[in-house]
């Protein structure tokens, strides 16, 4: 099996991050396949809604730290959802950490397992976010909560994420994908051209200033990482962040 699984449930395309042995960590191969998977789902007229999840026990633990140490810089993640006009639902079945949280925040709706955990460890690793965390997290939970999460690297559980407004619902773990599929099916009952037109307006409204913020975040992250960072720090912190 590949690092990304693709399955159709009627008009719903389910994309599953499939590197469970390393908490579905994002390496170059998985990021490339993810971008291809979204593009394929977008171009398929038989697909109305996309559900993104991870192979248990995690949604996504972030960047593959071993590859990060070897490369000396994070892999590139442009915008895997770029050009996607269809609704994207994240079924967060476990930890969504750092790059995994950034990926979750790109989704339009989030259904969380009771076992889900959210957090960002860029600061602890001596890195700057470059995939949208600084732009999207305050939009989701407010500036003060985002500041706390980003500066302390602490995690919040599913119940707290629901309280913060980070997720739409929290369900028993076995029901995570089932609930996401039910929401997707409800969306599928609506007129799809109208759904995409409404979604486009929602995204535009949420991103009036987002493009500039995202560009600035990426530019500063590339500059920071380009100056070099302590790969030994990554090695020392890696096991503690599991």
Protein backbone atom coordinates (compact mmCIF):
# COMPACT_ATOMS: atom_id res chain seq x y z
CA UNK A 1 0.00 0.00 0.00
CA UNK A 2 1.11 3.54 -0.66
CA UNK A 3 1.62 6.46 1.69
CA UNK A 4 -1.78 7.89 0.69
CA UNK A 5 -4.87 5.72 0.38
CA UNK A 6 -7.79 6.82 -1.82
CA UNK A 7 -11.27 5.37 -1.55
CA UNK A 8 -14.66 6.42 -2.90
CA UNK A 9 -17.77 6.17 -0.74
CA UNK A 10 -20.35 7.14 -3.34
CA UNK A 11 -19.65 10.78 -4.20
CA UNK A 12 -17.23 11.14 -1.27
CA UNK A 13 -13.48 10.72 -1.82
CA UNK A 14 -11.65 9.60 1.33
CA UNK A 15 -7.93 10.38 1.44
CA UNK A 16 -6.04 8.58 4.23
CA UNK A 17 -2.51 9.50 5.27
CA UNK A 18 -0.86 6.09 5.53
CA UNK A 19 2.42 6.16 7.40
CA UNK A 20 1.08 4.86 10.74
CA UNK A 21 4.48 3.62 11.89
CA UNK A 22 5.60 7.26 12.20
CA UNK A 23 2.25 8.88 13.06
CA UNK A 24 1.63 9.73 9.39
CA UNK A 25 4.55 12.17 9.40
CA UNK A 26 4.74 14.40 6.35
CA UNK A 27 7.74 13.60 4.19
CA UNK A 28 8.42 14.71 0.63
CA UNK A 29 6.71 11.66 -0.89
CA UNK A 30 3.53 11.99 1.17
CA UNK A 31 3.25 15.71 0.49
CA UNK A 32 3.59 15.09 -3.25
CA UNK A 33 0.97 12.33 -3.16
CA UNK A 34 -1.35 14.48 -1.07
CA UNK A 35 -1.23 17.30 -3.59
CA UNK A 36 -1.90 14.82 -6.39
CA UNK A 37 -4.75 13.23 -4.43
CA UNK A 38 -6.55 16.53 -3.93
CA UNK A 39 -6.03 17.50 -7.56
CA UNK A 40 -7.44 14.17 -8.76
CA UNK A 41 -10.47 14.47 -6.48
CA UNK A 42 -11.10 18.03 -7.67
CA UNK A 43 -11.03 17.00 -11.33
CA UNK A 44 -13.29 13.98 -10.84
CA UNK A 45 -16.90 14.95 -11.65
CA UNK A 46 -18.12 12.01 -9.58
CA UNK A 47 -16.68 13.46 -6.36
CA UNK A 48 -18.67 16.07 -4.42
CA UNK A 49 -16.89 16.11 -1.04
CA UNK A 50 -13.40 15.16 0.12
CA UNK A 51 -12.67 13.65 3.55
CA UNK A 52 -9.09 13.70 4.85
CA UNK A 53 -8.05 11.40 7.69
CA UNK A 54 -5.09 9.41 8.97
CA UNK A 55 -4.34 5.75 9.58
CA UNK A 56 -4.64 5.09 13.31
CA UNK A 57 -3.26 5.94 15.80
CA UNK A 58 -2.70 9.51 14.53
CA UNK A 59 -4.10 12.07 12.14
CA UNK A 60 -0.68 13.56 11.42
CA UNK A 61 2.30 14.08 13.70
CA UNK A 62 3.76 16.83 11.52
CA UNK A 63 6.93 16.95 9.48
CA UNK A 64 9.02 13.78 9.32
CA UNK A 65 11.75 14.80 11.77
CA UNK A 66 14.21 12.21 10.48
CA UNK A 67 13.95 13.65 6.98
CA UNK A 68 14.17 17.13 8.49
CA UNK A 69 17.48 16.24 10.14
CA UNK A 70 18.84 14.75 6.93
CA UNK A 71 17.74 17.61 4.68
CA UNK A 72 18.50 20.41 7.10
CA UNK A 73 15.21 22.09 6.19
CA UNK A 74 11.52 21.16 6.16
CA UNK A 75 10.05 19.66 2.97
CA UNK A 76 8.10 22.02 0.77
CA UNK A 77 4.35 22.13 1.22
CA UNK A 78 2.93 24.63 -1.20
CA UNK A 79 -0.84 24.46 -1.00
CA UNK A 80 -2.20 20.92 -1.41
CA UNK A 81 -5.74 22.31 -1.44
CA UNK A 82 -4.95 25.01 -3.99
CA UNK A 83 -7.63 25.07 -6.66
CA UNK A 84 -9.92 22.74 -4.70
CA UNK A 85 -13.47 24.10 -4.93
CA UNK A 86 -15.13 21.14 -3.22
CA UNK A 87 -15.73 20.97 0.54
CA UNK A 88 -12.95 19.30 2.53
CA UNK A 89 -13.73 17.65 5.86
CA UNK A 90 -10.94 16.64 8.20
CA UNK A 91 -11.65 13.48 10.24
CA UNK A 92 -9.05 14.03 12.97
CA UNK A 93 -8.69 10.55 14.40
CA UNK A 94 -5.72 11.25 16.68
CA UNK A 95 -2.89 13.72 17.30
CA UNK A 96 -2.66 16.63 14.83
CA UNK A 97 0.63 18.25 15.71
CA UNK A 98 2.53 21.15 14.08
CA UNK A 99 2.42 20.39 10.34
CA UNK A 100 -0.51 18.07 11.08
CA UNK A 101 -2.37 20.94 12.72
CA UNK A 102 -1.54 23.16 9.74
CA UNK A 103 -2.98 20.49 7.44
CA UNK A 104 -6.13 20.19 9.56
CA UNK A 105 -6.60 23.96 9.50
CA UNK A 106 -6.69 23.88 5.70
CA UNK A 107 -9.92 21.83 5.88
CA UNK A 108 -13.32 23.52 5.82
CA UNK A 109 -14.80 21.41 8.64
CA UNK A 110 -13.19 19.28 11.35
CA UNK A 111 -14.66 16.24 13.09
CA UNK A 112 -12.46 15.14 15.99
CA UNK A 113 -12.11 11.82 17.73
CA UNK A 114 -12.23 11.94 21.52
CA UNK A 115 -8.58 10.86 21.27
CA UNK A 116 -7.55 13.81 19.10
CA UNK A 117 -4.85 16.15 20.40
CA UNK A 118 -3.83 19.45 18.80
CA UNK A 119 -0.62 21.41 19.20
CA UNK A 120 2.25 23.25 17.56
CA UNK A 121 5.93 22.62 18.35
CA UNK A 122 7.69 24.96 15.92
CA UNK A 123 9.03 27.11 18.75
CA UNK A 124 10.31 24.13 20.68
CA UNK A 125 12.22 22.91 17.62
CA UNK A 126 13.65 26.33 16.80
CA UNK A 127 11.59 26.68 13.61
CA UNK A 128 9.11 29.22 12.27
CA UNK A 129 5.75 28.12 10.86
CA UNK A 130 5.64 28.40 7.08
CA UNK A 131 2.56 26.43 6.06
CA UNK A 132 -0.13 28.76 7.37
CA UNK A 133 -0.16 28.25 11.13
CA UNK A 134 0.34 31.91 12.06
CA UNK A 135 -2.29 32.94 9.52
CA UNK A 136 -4.96 30.31 10.16
CA UNK A 137 -4.75 29.41 13.85
CA UNK A 138 -5.79 32.88 15.13
CA UNK A 139 -8.70 32.79 12.68
CA UNK A 140 -9.82 29.51 14.21
CA UNK A 141 -9.34 30.07 17.95
CA UNK A 142 -8.68 33.78 18.42
CA UNK A 143 -5.41 35.65 18.78
CA UNK A 144 -4.80 35.13 22.51
CA UNK A 145 -5.38 31.38 22.45
CA UNK A 146 -3.30 31.05 19.28
CA UNK A 147 -0.49 33.03 20.92
CA UNK A 148 -0.53 30.71 23.95
CA UNK A 149 -0.49 27.55 21.83
CA UNK A 150 2.26 28.80 19.55
CA UNK A 151 4.57 30.17 22.25
CA UNK A 152 4.20 27.39 24.83
CA UNK A 153 3.97 24.44 22.40
CA UNK A 154 1.36 22.96 24.71
CA UNK A 155 -1.32 20.66 23.37
CA UNK A 156 -5.07 20.81 23.81
CA UNK A 157 -7.35 17.80 23.84
CA UNK A 158 -10.50 17.31 21.80
CA UNK A 159 -12.82 18.78 24.42
CA UNK A 160 -10.75 21.95 24.68
CA UNK A 161 -10.49 22.16 20.89
CA UNK A 162 -14.29 22.08 20.71
CA UNK A 163 -14.52 24.79 23.37
CA UNK A 164 -12.02 26.90 21.41
CA UNK A 165 -14.02 26.52 18.19
CA UNK A 166 -11.16 24.68 16.51
CA UNK A 167 -13.36 21.68 15.62
CA UNK A 168 -17.03 21.27 14.71
CA UNK A 169 -17.73 18.13 16.74
CA UNK A 170 -16.10 15.55 19.00
CA UNK A 171 -17.23 11.94 18.74
CA UNK A 172 -16.24 8.54 20.15
CA UNK A 173 -13.10 7.35 18.38
CA UNK A 174 -14.73 4.54 16.36
CA UNK A 175 -17.29 7.03 15.02
CA UNK A 176 -14.83 9.63 13.70
CA UNK A 177 -14.85 8.68 10.03
CA UNK A 178 -18.52 7.68 10.18
CA UNK A 179 -19.49 11.14 11.44
CA UNK A 180 -17.35 12.86 8.81
CA UNK A 181 -18.98 10.74 6.10
CA UNK A 182 -22.43 11.60 7.45
CA UNK A 183 -21.65 15.32 7.27
CA UNK A 184 -20.25 14.81 3.77
CA UNK A 185 -23.40 12.95 2.73
CA UNK A 186 -25.57 15.78 4.05
CA UNK A 187 -23.54 18.24 1.96
CA UNK A 188 -23.95 15.93 -1.02
CA UNK A 189 -27.74 16.25 -0.79
CA UNK A 190 -27.51 19.96 -1.60
CA UNK A 191 -27.14 21.45 -5.06
CA UNK A 192 -23.42 21.13 -5.73
CA UNK A 193 -22.91 24.25 -7.87
CA UNK A 194 -24.59 26.22 -5.06
CA UNK A 195 -22.46 24.46 -2.43
CA UNK A 196 -19.26 25.42 -4.24
CA UNK A 197 -20.42 28.98 -4.82
CA UNK A 198 -21.31 29.39 -1.13
CA UNK A 199 -18.02 27.78 -0.09
CA UNK A 200 -16.08 30.10 -2.37
CA UNK A 201 -17.70 33.11 -0.73
CA UNK A 202 -17.03 31.74 2.75
CA UNK A 203 -13.39 31.18 1.90
CA UNK A 204 -13.08 34.62 0.35
CA UNK A 205 -14.62 36.22 3.41
CA UNK A 206 -12.23 34.38 5.70
CA UNK A 207 -9.24 35.28 3.56
CA UNK A 208 -9.64 38.95 2.73
CA UNK A 209 -6.17 39.53 4.19
CA UNK A 210 -5.09 35.87 4.35
CA UNK A 211 -3.10 35.80 1.11
CA UNK A 212 -0.78 38.57 2.26
CA UNK A 213 -0.38 37.00 5.71
CA UNK A 214 0.37 33.58 4.23
CA UNK A 215 2.94 35.02 1.83
CA UNK A 216 4.65 36.93 4.63
CA UNK A 217 4.67 33.86 6.89
CA UNK A 218 6.26 31.70 4.19
CA UNK A 219 8.84 34.37 3.34
CA UNK A 220 9.91 34.77 6.98
CA UNK A 221 10.01 31.02 7.57
CA UNK A 222 12.20 30.48 4.51
CA UNK A 223 14.53 33.26 5.64
CA UNK A 224 14.71 31.85 9.19
CA UNK A 225 15.26 28.25 8.06
CA UNK A 226 17.69 29.47 5.37
CA UNK A 227 19.99 30.81 8.06
CA UNK A 228 20.29 27.27 9.34
CA UNK A 229 18.90 25.70 12.47
CA UNK A 230 20.13 23.32 15.11
CA UNK A 231 19.57 19.79 13.80
CA UNK A 232 20.94 18.51 17.12
CA UNK A 233 18.04 20.28 18.82
CA UNK A 234 15.65 18.41 16.55
CA UNK A 235 17.36 15.14 17.47
CA UNK A 236 17.15 15.87 21.19
CA UNK A 237 13.51 16.90 21.03
CA UNK A 238 12.27 14.26 18.61
CA UNK A 239 11.54 11.47 21.10
CA UNK A 240 9.96 13.86 23.61
CA UNK A 241 7.49 15.04 20.97
CA UNK A 242 6.14 11.59 20.15
